[in-house]
Amino acid sequence: MSKCGSRRSSFSIYSKGIDNVEWGYNRDKEDLPQINMGMVCCENSGLPFFYKLFTGSIVDVSTIHNILKDLQAYHLKDVLNMEPFITEIKNLILLHR
């Protein structure tokens, strides 16, 4: 399997009553709650082969931690090549566990 990269997106939500919609850091500076999505995409094709939705208030380090746990459960942890946005020391330590 080719190496894959991690991507994270957030979606601002106008609607009420949707699960996982919470207030969090909005990168677009919109005054709206959001849902976050973590994805793993193949570097060659750019196509996602795994994704997971998270609450809008989850922080980046928790997102990547949860994705790594899921990939490990599927015996796919070694395919992940981390996106450059993840540079915090906490994340680097987490990857070396």
Protein backbone atom coordinates (compact mmCIF):
# COMPACT_ATOMS: atom_id res chain seq x y z
CA MET A 1 0.00 0.00 0.00
CA SER A 2 1.29 3.49 -0.79
CA LYS A 3 1.95 6.05 1.93
CA CYS A 4 -0.99 8.14 3.00
CA GLY A 5 -1.45 11.56 4.55
CA SER A 6 -3.73 12.91 7.23
CA ARG A 7 -6.10 15.79 6.53
CA ARG A 8 -8.45 17.66 8.81
CA SER A 9 -11.39 19.84 7.86
CA SER A 10 -14.12 21.63 9.72
CA PHE A 11 -17.60 22.45 8.53
CA SER A 12 -19.50 25.42 9.93
CA ILE A 13 -23.12 24.52 10.60
CA TYR A 14 -26.19 26.77 10.49
CA SER A 15 -28.66 23.99 11.28
CA LYS A 16 -29.81 23.08 14.79
CA GLY A 17 -30.12 19.59 16.27
CA ILE A 18 -27.28 17.84 14.41
CA ASP A 19 -25.13 15.45 16.47
CA ASN A 20 -21.49 16.46 17.05
CA VAL A 21 -22.10 20.15 16.30
CA GLU A 22 -20.24 22.16 18.93
CA TRP A 23 -18.47 25.46 19.35
CA GLY A 24 -14.73 25.28 18.84
CA TYR A 25 -11.86 27.10 17.19
CA ASN A 26 -13.22 28.23 13.82
CA ARG A 27 -10.34 28.67 11.37
CA ASP A 28 -12.57 30.68 9.04
CA LYS A 29 -13.42 33.10 11.86
CA GLU A 30 -17.14 32.42 11.40
CA ASP A 31 -19.37 32.82 14.44
CA LEU A 32 -20.89 29.36 13.98
CA PRO A 33 -20.61 25.95 15.63
CA GLN A 34 -18.95 23.25 13.60
CA ILE A 35 -18.23 19.59 12.94
CA ASN A 36 -14.66 18.37 12.37
CA MET A 37 -13.61 15.60 10.03
CA GLY A 38 -10.32 13.76 10.01
CA MET A 39 -9.34 11.91 6.82
CA VAL A 40 -6.54 9.69 5.61
CA CYS A 41 -5.82 10.10 1.89
CA CYS A 42 -3.47 8.20 -0.42
CA GLU A 43 -0.61 10.44 -1.51
CA ASN A 44 -0.55 9.06 -5.06
CA SER A 45 -4.23 9.48 -5.91
CA GLY A 46 -5.31 11.97 -3.26
CA LEU A 47 -8.40 9.85 -2.64
CA PRO A 48 -9.54 9.29 0.95
CA PHE A 49 -9.75 5.73 2.22
CA PHE A 50 -10.69 6.52 5.81
CA TYR A 51 -12.57 9.32 7.52
CA LYS A 52 -14.14 10.01 10.88
CA LEU A 53 -16.40 12.80 12.14
CA PHE A 54 -15.63 14.55 15.43
CA THR A 55 -17.32 17.11 17.59
CA GLY A 56 -16.66 20.72 16.69
CA SER A 57 -14.77 21.35 19.91
CA ILE A 58 -12.15 18.59 19.52
CA VAL A 59 -8.55 19.79 19.27
CA ASP A 60 -6.04 18.70 16.61
CA VAL A 61 -4.00 16.47 18.91
CA SER A 62 -7.14 14.52 19.92
CA THR A 63 -8.21 14.17 16.30
CA ILE A 64 -4.93 12.64 15.22
CA HIS A 65 -4.79 10.46 18.34
CA ASN A 66 -8.23 9.00 17.54
CA ILE A 67 -7.35 8.46 13.88
CA LEU A 68 -4.13 6.66 14.86
CA LYS A 69 -6.06 4.41 17.27
CA ASP A 70 -8.53 3.51 14.50
CA LEU A 71 -5.78 2.85 11.97
CA GLN A 72 -3.97 0.69 14.49
CA ALA A 73 -7.15 -1.34 15.05
CA TYR A 74 -7.20 -2.02 11.29
CA HIS A 75 -3.44 -2.73 11.26
CA LEU A 76 -2.87 0.35 9.08
CA LYS A 77 -0.92 2.66 11.40
CA ASP A 78 2.31 2.36 9.37
CA VAL A 79 0.77 3.78 6.19
CA LEU A 80 0.29 7.24 7.69
CA ASN A 81 2.61 10.11 6.71
CA MET A 82 1.65 13.13 8.80
CA GLU A 83 0.56 16.42 7.27
CA PRO A 84 2.92 19.36 7.90
CA PHE A 85 0.34 21.23 10.02
CA ILE A 86 0.98 18.81 12.87
CA THR A 87 4.21 20.17 14.32
CA GLU A 88 3.48 20.43 18.02
CA ILE A 89 5.77 18.47 20.32
CA LYS A 90 2.76 16.65 21.83
CA ASN A 91 1.85 15.25 18.43
CA LEU A 92 5.39 14.13 17.65
CA ILE A 93 5.61 12.33 21.01
CA LEU A 94 2.26 10.67 20.36
CA LEU A 95 3.46 9.35 16.98
CA HIS A 96 6.52 7.70 18.54
CA ARG A 97 4.57 5.70 21.13
